[in-house]
Amino acid sequence: MPTFPDSDIDTLTESKAKLEKPKLFKVLLHNDDFTTMEFVVFVLEYVFKRDTAEAVVIMLKVHNEGVGIAGIYPYEIATSKAEKAMNLAKAREFPFLCTVEEE
């Protein structure tokens, strides 16, 4: 049986890299006097994949309190969804505002 001197043995150490969860960002919908409630519900359903009941609740919060959270996502997704919502509004000539804020 062969013998192995200690100097010829490589020791592998296991190290676990810690993966941090990505920071999350809120997409905020802001109230204005021109964008229709129906359009806000449409945006919540189409862009943010909310069901109708949930979309109506969020729309009413925006209407009554001035701002509501459409969703919470990693930064790239949040900015993409906010941009998509604002582009839809612009195409319909609504001054609808979506902002992205760190959670």
PDB file of N, CA and C in Angstrom:
ATOM      1  N   MET A   1       0.854  -1.170   0.000  1.00  0.00           N
ATOM      2  CA  MET A   1       0.000   0.000   0.000  1.00  0.00           C
ATOM      3  C   MET A   1       0.900   1.233   0.000  1.00  0.00           C
ATOM      4  N   PRO A   2       0.664   2.151  -0.948  1.00  0.00           N
ATOM      5  CA  PRO A   2       1.542   3.321  -1.023  1.00  0.00           C
ATOM      6  C   PRO A   2       1.252   4.292   0.106  1.00  0.00           C
ATOM      7  N   THR A   3       2.249   4.986   0.494  1.00  0.00           N
ATOM      8  CA  THR A   3       2.085   6.010   1.531  1.00  0.00           C
ATOM      9  C   THR A   3       2.200   7.373   0.863  1.00  0.00           C
ATOM     10  N   PHE A   4       1.469   8.312   1.386  1.00  0.00           N
ATOM     11  CA  PHE A   4       1.476   9.666   0.836  1.00  0.00           C
ATOM     12  C   PHE A   4       2.028  10.618   1.878  1.00  0.00           C
ATOM     13  N   PRO A   5       3.101  11.260   1.567  1.00  0.00           N
ATOM     14  CA  PRO A   5       3.622  12.236   2.519  1.00  0.00           C
ATOM     15  C   PRO A   5       2.644  13.412   2.637  1.00  0.00           C
ATOM     16  N   ASP A   6       2.627  14.012   3.794  1.00  0.00           N
ATOM     17  CA  ASP A   6       1.708  15.120   4.063  1.00  0.00           C
ATOM     18  C   ASP A   6       1.863  16.256   3.056  1.00  0.00           C
ATOM     19  N   SER A   7       3.066  16.459   2.551  1.00  0.00           N
ATOM     20  CA  SER A   7       3.290  17.584   1.641  1.00  0.00           C
ATOM     21  C   SER A   7       2.643  17.376   0.273  1.00  0.00           C
ATOM     22  N   ASP A   8       2.312  16.148  -0.070  1.00  0.00           N
ATOM     23  CA  ASP A   8       1.706  15.881  -1.372  1.00  0.00           C
ATOM     24  C   ASP A   8       0.176  15.884  -1.339  1.00  0.00           C
ATOM     25  N   ILE A   9      -0.390  16.036  -0.182  1.00  0.00           N
ATOM     26  CA  ILE A   9      -1.847  16.004  -0.067  1.00  0.00           C
ATOM     27  C   ILE A   9      -2.369  17.441  -0.067  1.00  0.00           C
ATOM     28  N   ASP A  10      -3.232  17.703  -1.023  1.00  0.00           N
ATOM     29  CA  ASP A  10      -3.878  19.020  -1.065  1.00  0.00           C
ATOM     30  C   ASP A  10      -5.183  18.930  -0.277  1.00  0.00           C
ATOM     31  N   THR A  11      -5.386  19.891   0.532  1.00  0.00           N
ATOM     32  CA  THR A  11      -6.603  19.932   1.322  1.00  0.00           C
ATOM     33  C   THR A  11      -7.570  20.918   0.687  1.00  0.00           C
ATOM     34  N   LEU A  12      -8.757  20.450   0.444  1.00  0.00           N
ATOM     35  CA  LEU A  12      -9.794  21.327  -0.088  1.00  0.00           C
ATOM     36  C   LEU A  12     -10.654  21.811   1.068  1.00  0.00           C
ATOM     37  N   THR A  13     -10.840  23.080   1.117  1.00  0.00           N
ATOM     38  CA  THR A  13     -11.725  23.627   2.152  1.00  0.00           C
ATOM     39  C   THR A  13     -12.980  24.123   1.466  1.00  0.00           C
ATOM     40  N   GLU A  14     -14.061  23.864   2.097  1.00  0.00           N
ATOM     41  CA  GLU A  14     -15.343  24.256   1.528  1.00  0.00           C
ATOM     42  C   GLU A  14     -15.698  25.632   2.057  1.00  0.00           C
ATOM     43  N   SER A  15     -15.963  26.523   1.145  1.00  0.00           N
ATOM     44  CA  SER A  15     -16.406  27.851   1.576  1.00  0.00           C
ATOM     45  C   SER A  15     -17.726  28.149   0.895  1.00  0.00           C
ATOM     46  N   LYS A  16     -18.614  28.682   1.642  1.00  0.00           N
ATOM     47  CA  LYS A  16     -19.927  29.000   1.110  1.00  0.00           C
ATOM     48  C   LYS A  16     -20.001  30.507   0.923  1.00  0.00           C
ATOM     49  N   ALA A  17     -20.262  30.900  -0.295  1.00  0.00           N
ATOM     50  CA  ALA A  17     -20.431  32.322  -0.569  1.00  0.00           C
ATOM     51  C   ALA A  17     -21.821  32.729  -0.099  1.00  0.00           C
ATOM     52  N   LYS A  18     -21.873  33.819   0.613  1.00  0.00           N
ATOM     53  CA  LYS A  18     -23.162  34.312   1.075  1.00  0.00           C
ATOM     54  C   LYS A  18     -23.784  35.158  -0.031  1.00  0.00           C
ATOM     55  N   LEU A  19     -24.955  34.750  -0.433  1.00  0.00           N
ATOM     56  CA  LEU A  19     -25.678  35.508  -1.440  1.00  0.00           C
ATOM     57  C   LEU A  19     -26.670  36.416  -0.722  1.00  0.00           C
ATOM     58  N   GLU A  20     -26.569  37.680  -1.021  1.00  0.00           N
ATOM     59  CA  GLU A  20     -27.502  38.617  -0.415  1.00  0.00           C
ATOM     60  C   GLU A  20     -28.735  38.722  -1.289  1.00  0.00           C
ATOM     61  N   LYS A  21     -29.883  38.838  -0.651  1.00  0.00           N
ATOM     62  CA  LYS A  21     -31.107  39.038  -1.406  1.00  0.00           C
ATOM     63  C   LYS A  21     -31.041  40.422  -2.034  1.00  0.00           C
ATOM     64  N   PRO A  22     -31.534  40.546  -3.252  1.00  0.00           N
ATOM     65  CA  PRO A  22     -31.507  41.875  -3.872  1.00  0.00           C
ATOM     66  C   PRO A  22     -32.429  42.821  -3.118  1.00  0.00           C
ATOM     67  N   LYS A  23     -32.056  44.092  -3.122  1.00  0.00           N
ATOM     68  CA  LYS A  23     -32.922  45.084  -2.490  1.00  0.00           C
ATOM     69  C   LYS A  23     -34.217  45.150  -3.286  1.00  0.00           C
ATOM     70  N   LEU A  24     -35.280  45.412  -2.586  1.00  0.00           N
ATOM     71  CA  LEU A  24     -36.584  45.495  -3.230  1.00  0.00           C
ATOM     72  C   LEU A  24     -37.040  46.949  -3.300  1.00  0.00           C
ATOM     73  N   PHE A  25     -37.824  47.234  -4.329  1.00  0.00           N
ATOM     74  CA  PHE A  25     -38.291  48.595  -4.576  1.00  0.00           C
ATOM     75  C   PHE A  25     -39.795  48.585  -4.784  1.00  0.00           C
ATOM     76  N   LYS A  26     -40.455  49.612  -4.227  1.00  0.00           N
ATOM     77  CA  LYS A  26     -41.898  49.774  -4.375  1.00  0.00           C
ATOM     78  C   LYS A  26     -42.174  50.582  -5.636  1.00  0.00           C
ATOM     79  N   VAL A  27     -43.170  50.161  -6.381  1.00  0.00           N
ATOM     80  CA  VAL A  27     -43.673  50.975  -7.485  1.00  0.00           C
ATOM     81  C   VAL A  27     -44.906  51.695  -6.950  1.00  0.00           C
ATOM     82  N   LEU A  28     -44.808  53.023  -6.902  1.00  0.00           N
ATOM     83  CA  LEU A  28     -45.882  53.846  -6.355  1.00  0.00           C
ATOM     84  C   LEU A  28     -46.681  54.486  -7.481  1.00  0.00           C
ATOM     85  N   LEU A  29     -47.995  54.439  -7.330  1.00  0.00           N
ATOM     86  CA  LEU A  29     -48.890  55.115  -8.263  1.00  0.00           C
ATOM     87  C   LEU A  29     -49.383  56.380  -7.568  1.00  0.00           C
ATOM     88  N   HIS A  30     -49.362  57.489  -8.294  1.00  0.00           N
ATOM     89  CA  HIS A  30     -49.742  58.778  -7.718  1.00  0.00           C
ATOM     90  C   HIS A  30     -51.059  59.255  -8.318  1.00  0.00           C
ATOM     91  N   ASN A  31     -51.881  59.857  -7.474  1.00  0.00           N
ATOM     92  CA  ASN A  31     -53.171  60.374  -7.908  1.00  0.00           C
ATOM     93  C   ASN A  31     -52.995  61.663  -8.700  1.00  0.00           C
ATOM     94  N   ASP A  32     -53.878  61.862  -9.664  1.00  0.00           N
ATOM     95  CA  ASP A  32     -53.969  63.147 -10.360  1.00  0.00           C
ATOM     96  C   ASP A  32     -55.440  63.375 -10.690  1.00  0.00           C
ATOM     97  N   ASP A  33     -55.768  64.537 -11.197  1.00  0.00           N
ATOM     98  CA  ASP A  33     -57.164  64.883 -11.453  1.00  0.00           C
ATOM     99  C   ASP A  33     -57.658  64.489 -12.839  1.00  0.00           C
ATOM    100  N   PHE A  34     -56.814  63.848 -13.645  1.00  0.00           N
ATOM    101  CA  PHE A  34     -57.184  63.576 -15.029  1.00  0.00           C
ATOM    102  C   PHE A  34     -57.207  62.098 -15.404  1.00  0.00           C
ATOM    103  N   THR A  35     -56.319  61.309 -14.848  1.00  0.00           N
ATOM    104  CA  THR A  35     -56.265  59.880 -15.179  1.00  0.00           C
ATOM    105  C   THR A  35     -57.508  59.203 -14.612  1.00  0.00           C
ATOM    106  N   THR A  36     -58.182  58.431 -15.438  1.00  0.00           N
ATOM    107  CA  THR A  36     -59.424  57.793 -14.987  1.00  0.00           C
ATOM    108  C   THR A  36     -59.148  56.616 -14.054  1.00  0.00           C
ATOM    109  N   MET A  37     -60.112  56.348 -13.216  1.00  0.00           N
ATOM    110  CA  MET A  37     -60.006  55.199 -12.314  1.00  0.00           C
ATOM    111  C   MET A  37     -59.950  53.904 -13.110  1.00  0.00           C
ATOM    112  N   GLU A  38     -60.679  53.852 -14.199  1.00  0.00           N
ATOM    113  CA  GLU A  38     -60.707  52.656 -15.041  1.00  0.00           C
ATOM    114  C   GLU A  38     -59.320  52.374 -15.627  1.00  0.00           C
ATOM    115  N   PHE A  39     -58.620  53.451 -16.021  1.00  0.00           N
ATOM    116  CA  PHE A  39     -57.281  53.262 -16.571  1.00  0.00           C
ATOM    117  C   PHE A  39     -56.319  52.741 -15.498  1.00  0.00           C
ATOM    118  N   VAL A  40     -56.444  53.268 -14.289  1.00  0.00           N
ATOM    119  CA  VAL A  40     -55.562  52.810 -13.199  1.00  0.00           C
ATOM    120  C   VAL A  40     -55.813  51.329 -12.921  1.00  0.00           C
ATOM    121  N   VAL A  41     -57.064  50.918 -12.919  1.00  0.00           N
ATOM    122  CA  VAL A  41     -57.387  49.502 -12.722  1.00  0.00           C
ATOM    123  C   VAL A  41     -56.807  48.677 -13.869  1.00  0.00           C
ATOM    124  N   PHE A  42     -56.941  49.168 -15.103  1.00  0.00           N
ATOM    125  CA  PHE A  42     -56.372  48.479 -16.259  1.00  0.00           C
ATOM    126  C   PHE A  42     -54.858  48.291 -16.098  1.00  0.00           C
ATOM    127  N   VAL A  43     -54.152  49.345 -15.714  1.00  0.00           N
ATOM    128  CA  VAL A  43     -52.694  49.274 -15.531  1.00  0.00           C
ATOM    129  C   VAL A  43     -52.343  48.258 -14.453  1.00  0.00           C
ATOM    130  N   LEU A  44     -53.071  48.263 -13.366  1.00  0.00           N
ATOM    131  CA  LEU A  44     -52.797  47.310 -12.280  1.00  0.00           C
ATOM    132  C   LEU A  44     -53.020  45.868 -12.739  1.00  0.00           C
ATOM    133  N   GLU A  45     -54.022  45.661 -13.571  1.00  0.00           N
ATOM    134  CA  GLU A  45     -54.282  44.310 -14.075  1.00  0.00           C
ATOM    135  C   GLU A  45     -53.276  43.911 -15.152  1.00  0.00           C
ATOM    136  N   TYR A  46     -53.030  44.799 -16.098  1.00  0.00           N
ATOM    137  CA  TYR A  46     -52.224  44.474 -17.272  1.00  0.00           C
ATOM    138  C   TYR A  46     -50.723  44.477 -16.978  1.00  0.00           C
ATOM    139  N   VAL A  47     -50.243  45.494 -16.291  1.00  0.00           N
ATOM    140  CA  VAL A  47     -48.797  45.630 -16.044  1.00  0.00           C
ATOM    141  C   VAL A  47     -48.385  44.905 -14.767  1.00  0.00           C
ATOM    142  N   PHE A  48     -49.179  45.048 -13.717  1.00  0.00           N
ATOM    143  CA  PHE A  48     -48.786  44.519 -12.403  1.00  0.00           C
ATOM    144  C   PHE A  48     -49.451  43.188 -12.063  1.00  0.00           C
ATOM    145  N   LYS A  49     -50.232  42.649 -13.004  1.00  0.00           N
ATOM    146  CA  LYS A  49     -50.836  41.308 -12.883  1.00  0.00           C
ATOM    147  C   LYS A  49     -51.685  41.148 -11.618  1.00  0.00           C
ATOM    148  N   ARG A  50     -52.426  42.193 -11.284  1.00  0.00           N
ATOM    149  CA  ARG A  50     -53.348  42.126 -10.143  1.00  0.00           C
ATOM    150  C   ARG A  50     -54.710  41.656 -10.642  1.00  0.00           C
ATOM    151  N   ASP A  51     -55.431  40.915  -9.793  1.00  0.00           N
ATOM    152  CA  ASP A  51     -56.796  40.563 -10.189  1.00  0.00           C
ATOM    153  C   ASP A  51     -57.674  41.807 -10.009  1.00  0.00           C
ATOM    154  N   THR A  52     -58.864  41.769 -10.558  1.00  0.00           N
ATOM    155  CA  THR A  52     -59.715  42.961 -10.591  1.00  0.00           C
ATOM    156  C   THR A  52     -60.020  43.492  -9.193  1.00  0.00           C
ATOM    157  N   ALA A  53     -60.360  42.619  -8.273  1.00  0.00           N
ATOM    158  CA  ALA A  53     -60.699  43.067  -6.922  1.00  0.00           C
ATOM    159  C   ALA A  53     -59.511  43.768  -6.255  1.00  0.00           C
ATOM    160  N   GLU A  54     -58.349  43.192  -6.387  1.00  0.00           N
ATOM    161  CA  GLU A  54     -57.130  43.772  -5.813  1.00  0.00           C
ATOM    162  C   GLU A  54     -56.808  45.104  -6.489  1.00  0.00           C
ATOM    163  N   ALA A  55     -56.977  45.159  -7.804  1.00  0.00           N
ATOM    164  CA  ALA A  55     -56.709  46.387  -8.556  1.00  0.00           C
ATOM    165  C   ALA A  55     -57.631  47.517  -8.111  1.00  0.00           C
ATOM    166  N   VAL A  56     -58.891  47.202  -7.875  1.00  0.00           N
ATOM    167  CA  VAL A  56     -59.852  48.219  -7.429  1.00  0.00           C
ATOM    168  C   VAL A  56     -59.471  48.745  -6.043  1.00  0.00           C
ATOM    169  N   VAL A  57     -59.074  47.864  -5.150  1.00  0.00           N
ATOM    170  CA  VAL A  57     -58.665  48.285  -3.804  1.00  0.00           C
ATOM    171  C   VAL A  57     -57.461  49.226  -3.880  1.00  0.00           C
ATOM    172  N   ILE A  58     -56.462  48.872  -4.687  1.00  0.00           N
ATOM    173  CA  ILE A  58     -55.272  49.717  -4.828  1.00  0.00           C
ATOM    174  C   ILE A  58     -55.645  51.045  -5.479  1.00  0.00           C
ATOM    175  N   MET A  59     -56.492  51.017  -6.507  1.00  0.00           N
ATOM    176  CA  MET A  59     -56.923  52.246  -7.180  1.00  0.00           C
ATOM    177  C   MET A  59     -57.631  53.171  -6.211  1.00  0.00           C
ATOM    178  N   LEU A  60     -58.487  52.629  -5.357  1.00  0.00           N
ATOM    179  CA  LEU A  60     -59.199  53.459  -4.380  1.00  0.00           C
ATOM    180  C   LEU A  60     -58.244  54.057  -3.352  1.00  0.00           C
ATOM    181  N   LYS A  61     -57.222  53.313  -2.995  1.00  0.00           N
ATOM    182  CA  LYS A  61     -56.205  53.850  -2.090  1.00  0.00           C
ATOM    183  C   LYS A  61     -55.486  55.027  -2.748  1.00  0.00           C
ATOM    184  N   VAL A  62     -55.137  54.873  -4.032  1.00  0.00           N
ATOM    185  CA  VAL A  62     -54.495  55.963  -4.768  1.00  0.00           C
ATOM    186  C   VAL A  62     -55.436  57.163  -4.811  1.00  0.00           C
ATOM    187  N   HIS A  63     -56.686  56.925  -5.126  1.00  0.00           N
ATOM    188  CA  HIS A  63     -57.671  57.996  -5.250  1.00  0.00           C
ATOM    189  C   HIS A  63     -57.904  58.721  -3.928  1.00  0.00           C
ATOM    190  N   ASN A  64     -58.034  57.958  -2.852  1.00  0.00           N
ATOM    191  CA  ASN A  64     -58.376  58.552  -1.547  1.00  0.00           C
ATOM    192  C   ASN A  64     -57.183  59.073  -0.761  1.00  0.00           C
ATOM    193  N   GLU A  65     -56.028  58.433  -0.903  1.00  0.00           N
ATOM    194  CA  GLU A  65     -54.862  58.806  -0.105  1.00  0.00           C
ATOM    195  C   GLU A  65     -53.770  59.495  -0.912  1.00  0.00           C
ATOM    196  N   GLY A  66     -53.913  59.515  -2.240  1.00  0.00           N
ATOM    197  CA  GLY A  66     -52.947  60.209  -3.078  1.00  0.00           C
ATOM    198  C   GLY A  66     -51.832  59.344  -3.626  1.00  0.00           C
ATOM    199  N   VAL A  67     -51.621  58.182  -3.032  1.00  0.00           N
ATOM    200  CA  VAL A  67     -50.562  57.277  -3.497  1.00  0.00           C
ATOM    201  C   VAL A  67     -50.895  55.852  -3.056  1.00  0.00           C
ATOM    202  N   GLY A  68     -50.485  54.889  -3.870  1.00  0.00           N
ATOM    203  CA  GLY A  68     -50.688  53.485  -3.533  1.00  0.00           C
ATOM    204  C   GLY A  68     -49.559  52.646  -4.111  1.00  0.00           C
ATOM    205  N   ILE A  69     -49.336  51.506  -3.513  1.00  0.00           N
ATOM    206  CA  ILE A  69     -48.260  50.610  -3.949  1.00  0.00           C
ATOM    207  C   ILE A  69     -48.819  49.602  -4.949  1.00  0.00           C
ATOM    208  N   ALA A  70     -48.285  49.649  -6.160  1.00  0.00           N
ATOM    209  CA  ALA A  70     -48.705  48.713  -7.199  1.00  0.00           C
ATOM    210  C   ALA A  70     -48.038  47.358  -7.016  1.00  0.00           C
ATOM    211  N   GLY A  71     -46.793  47.367  -6.495  1.00  0.00           N
ATOM    212  CA  GLY A  71     -46.065  46.126  -6.297  1.00  0.00           C
ATOM    213  C   GLY A  71     -44.674  46.391  -5.768  1.00  0.00           C
ATOM    214  N   ILE A  72     -44.004  45.334  -5.328  1.00  0.00           N
ATOM    215  CA  ILE A  72     -42.651  45.416  -4.784  1.00  0.00           C
ATOM    216  C   ILE A  72     -41.794  44.407  -5.533  1.00  0.00           C
ATOM    217  N   TYR A  73     -40.701  44.914  -6.131  1.00  0.00           N
ATOM    218  CA  TYR A  73     -39.882  44.098  -7.037  1.00  0.00           C
ATOM    219  C   TYR A  73     -38.407  44.458  -6.899  1.00  0.00           C
ATOM    220  N   PRO A  74     -37.526  43.622  -7.442  1.00  0.00           N
ATOM    221  CA  PRO A  74     -36.128  44.045  -7.602  1.00  0.00           C
ATOM    222  C   PRO A  74     -36.089  45.278  -8.514  1.00  0.00           C
ATOM    223  N   TYR A  75     -35.029  46.050  -8.429  1.00  0.00           N
ATOM    224  CA  TYR A  75     -34.941  47.352  -9.092  1.00  0.00           C
ATOM    225  C   TYR A  75     -35.264  47.309 -10.585  1.00  0.00           C
ATOM    226  N   GLU A  76     -34.656  46.398 -11.318  1.00  0.00           N
ATOM    227  CA  GLU A  76     -34.839  46.356 -12.767  1.00  0.00           C
ATOM    228  C   GLU A  76     -36.294  46.088 -13.139  1.00  0.00           C
ATOM    229  N   ILE A  77     -36.927  45.196 -12.422  1.00  0.00           N
ATOM    230  CA  ILE A  77     -38.329  44.881 -12.694  1.00  0.00           C
ATOM    231  C   ILE A  77     -39.214  46.061 -12.309  1.00  0.00           C
ATOM    232  N   ALA A  78     -38.942  46.670 -11.169  1.00  0.00           N
ATOM    233  CA  ALA A  78     -39.743  47.821 -10.721  1.00  0.00           C
ATOM    234  C   ALA A  78     -39.681  48.963 -11.729  1.00  0.00           C
ATOM    235  N   THR A  79     -38.477  49.293 -12.185  1.00  0.00           N
ATOM    236  CA  THR A  79     -38.353  50.409 -13.126  1.00  0.00           C
ATOM    237  C   THR A  79     -38.981  50.060 -14.473  1.00  0.00           C
ATOM    238  N   SER A  80     -38.862  48.816 -14.886  1.00  0.00           N
ATOM    239  CA  SER A  80     -39.457  48.390 -16.149  1.00  0.00           C
ATOM    240  C   SER A  80     -40.984  48.489 -16.097  1.00  0.00           C
ATOM    241  N   LYS A  81     -41.577  48.033 -15.018  1.00  0.00           N
ATOM    242  CA  LYS A  81     -43.034  48.084 -14.880  1.00  0.00           C
ATOM    243  C   LYS A  81     -43.521  49.531 -14.776  1.00  0.00           C
ATOM    244  N   ALA A  82     -42.804  50.366 -14.037  1.00  0.00           N
ATOM    245  CA  ALA A  82     -43.188  51.774 -13.916  1.00  0.00           C
ATOM    246  C   ALA A  82     -43.127  52.452 -15.280  1.00  0.00           C
ATOM    247  N   GLU A  83     -42.079  52.178 -16.027  1.00  0.00           N
ATOM    248  CA  GLU A  83     -41.925  52.769 -17.358  1.00  0.00           C
ATOM    249  C   GLU A  83     -43.032  52.298 -18.304  1.00  0.00           C
ATOM    250  N   LYS A  84     -43.356  51.017 -18.252  1.00  0.00           N
ATOM    251  CA  LYS A  84     -44.414  50.472 -19.100  1.00  0.00           C
ATOM    252  C   LYS A  84     -45.751  51.141 -18.774  1.00  0.00           C
ATOM    253  N   ALA A  85     -46.052  51.296 -17.488  1.00  0.00           N
ATOM    254  CA  ALA A  85     -47.306  51.938 -17.072  1.00  0.00           C
ATOM    255  C   ALA A  85     -47.367  53.381 -17.552  1.00  0.00           C
ATOM    256  N   MET A  86     -46.267  54.112 -17.424  1.00  0.00           N
ATOM    257  CA  MET A  86     -46.254  55.506 -17.837  1.00  0.00           C
ATOM    258  C   MET A  86     -46.329  55.635 -19.358  1.00  0.00           C
ATOM    259  N   ASN A  87     -45.739  54.704 -20.089  1.00  0.00           N
ATOM    260  CA  ASN A  87     -45.846  54.729 -21.553  1.00  0.00           C
ATOM    261  C   ASN A  87     -47.285  54.485 -22.004  1.00  0.00           C
ATOM    262  N   LEU A  88     -47.972  53.562 -21.329  1.00  0.00           N
ATOM    263  CA  LEU A  88     -49.384  53.339 -21.642  1.00  0.00           C
ATOM    264  C   LEU A  88     -50.201  54.594 -21.374  1.00  0.00           C
ATOM    265  N   ALA A  89     -49.911  55.270 -20.280  1.00  0.00           N
ATOM    266  CA  ALA A  89     -50.627  56.501 -19.938  1.00  0.00           C
ATOM    267  C   ALA A  89     -50.339  57.609 -20.951  1.00  0.00           C
ATOM    268  N   LYS A  90     -49.097  57.730 -21.321  1.00  0.00           N
ATOM    269  CA  LYS A  90     -48.705  58.766 -22.289  1.00  0.00           C
ATOM    270  C   LYS A  90     -49.425  58.547 -23.623  1.00  0.00           C
ATOM    271  N   ALA A  91     -49.530  57.294 -24.047  1.00  0.00           N
ATOM    272  CA  ALA A  91     -50.207  56.979 -25.299  1.00  0.00           C
ATOM    273  C   ALA A  91     -51.683  57.370 -25.253  1.00  0.00           C
ATOM    274  N   ARG A  92     -52.246  57.417 -24.055  1.00  0.00           N
ATOM    275  CA  ARG A  92     -53.655  57.789 -23.884  1.00  0.00           C
ATOM    276  C   ARG A  92     -53.797  59.230 -23.377  1.00  0.00           C
ATOM    277  N   GLU A  93     -52.673  59.944 -23.355  1.00  0.00           N
ATOM    278  CA  GLU A  93     -52.609  61.356 -22.947  1.00  0.00           C
ATOM    279  C   GLU A  93     -53.064  61.591 -21.508  1.00  0.00           C
ATOM    280  N   PHE A  94     -52.719  60.643 -20.626  1.00  0.00           N
ATOM    281  CA  PHE A  94     -52.955  60.813 -19.195  1.00  0.00           C
ATOM    282  C   PHE A  94     -51.655  61.259 -18.528  1.00  0.00           C
ATOM    283  N   PRO A  95     -51.730  62.156 -17.539  1.00  0.00           N
ATOM    284  CA  PRO A  95     -50.517  62.592 -16.828  1.00  0.00           C
ATOM    285  C   PRO A  95     -50.165  61.666 -15.659  1.00  0.00           C
ATOM    286  N   PHE A  96     -50.455  60.410 -15.809  1.00  0.00           N
ATOM    287  CA  PHE A  96     -50.269  59.382 -14.781  1.00  0.00           C
ATOM    288  C   PHE A  96     -48.800  59.301 -14.365  1.00  0.00           C
ATOM    289  N   LEU A  97     -48.560  59.245 -13.060  1.00  0.00           N
ATOM    290  CA  LEU A  97     -47.186  59.197 -12.555  1.00  0.00           C
ATOM    291  C   LEU A  97     -46.967  57.942 -11.722  1.00  0.00           C
ATOM    292  N   CYS A  98     -45.896  57.218 -12.061  1.00  0.00           N
ATOM    293  CA  CYS A  98     -45.421  56.062 -11.294  1.00  0.00           C
ATOM    294  C   CYS A  98     -43.995  56.399 -10.860  1.00  0.00           C
ATOM    295  N   THR A  99     -43.704  56.157  -9.613  1.00  0.00           N
ATOM    296  CA  THR A  99     -42.334  56.332  -9.140  1.00  0.00           C
ATOM    297  C   THR A  99     -41.864  55.035  -8.503  1.00  0.00           C
ATOM    298  N   VAL A 100     -40.548  54.923  -8.369  1.00  0.00           N
ATOM    299  CA  VAL A 100     -39.927  53.745  -7.767  1.00  0.00           C
ATOM    300  C   VAL A 100     -39.161  54.217  -6.545  1.00  0.00           C
ATOM    301  N   GLU A 101     -39.355  53.528  -5.436  1.00  0.00           N
ATOM    302  CA  GLU A 101     -38.741  53.916  -4.165  1.00  0.00           C
ATOM    303  C   GLU A 101     -38.239  52.673  -3.458  1.00  0.00           C
ATOM    304  N   GLU A 102     -37.063  52.780  -2.849  1.00  0.00           N
ATOM    305  CA  GLU A 102     -36.524  51.632  -2.122  1.00  0.00           C
ATOM    306  C   GLU A 102     -37.443  51.280  -0.952  1.00  0.00           C
ATOM    307  N   GLU A 103     -37.642  49.974  -0.764  1.00  0.00           N
ATOM    308  CA  GLU A 103     -38.524  49.517   0.317  1.00  0.00           C
ATOM    309  C   GLU A 103     -37.884  49.752   1.660  1.00  0.00           C
TER     310      GLU A 103
END
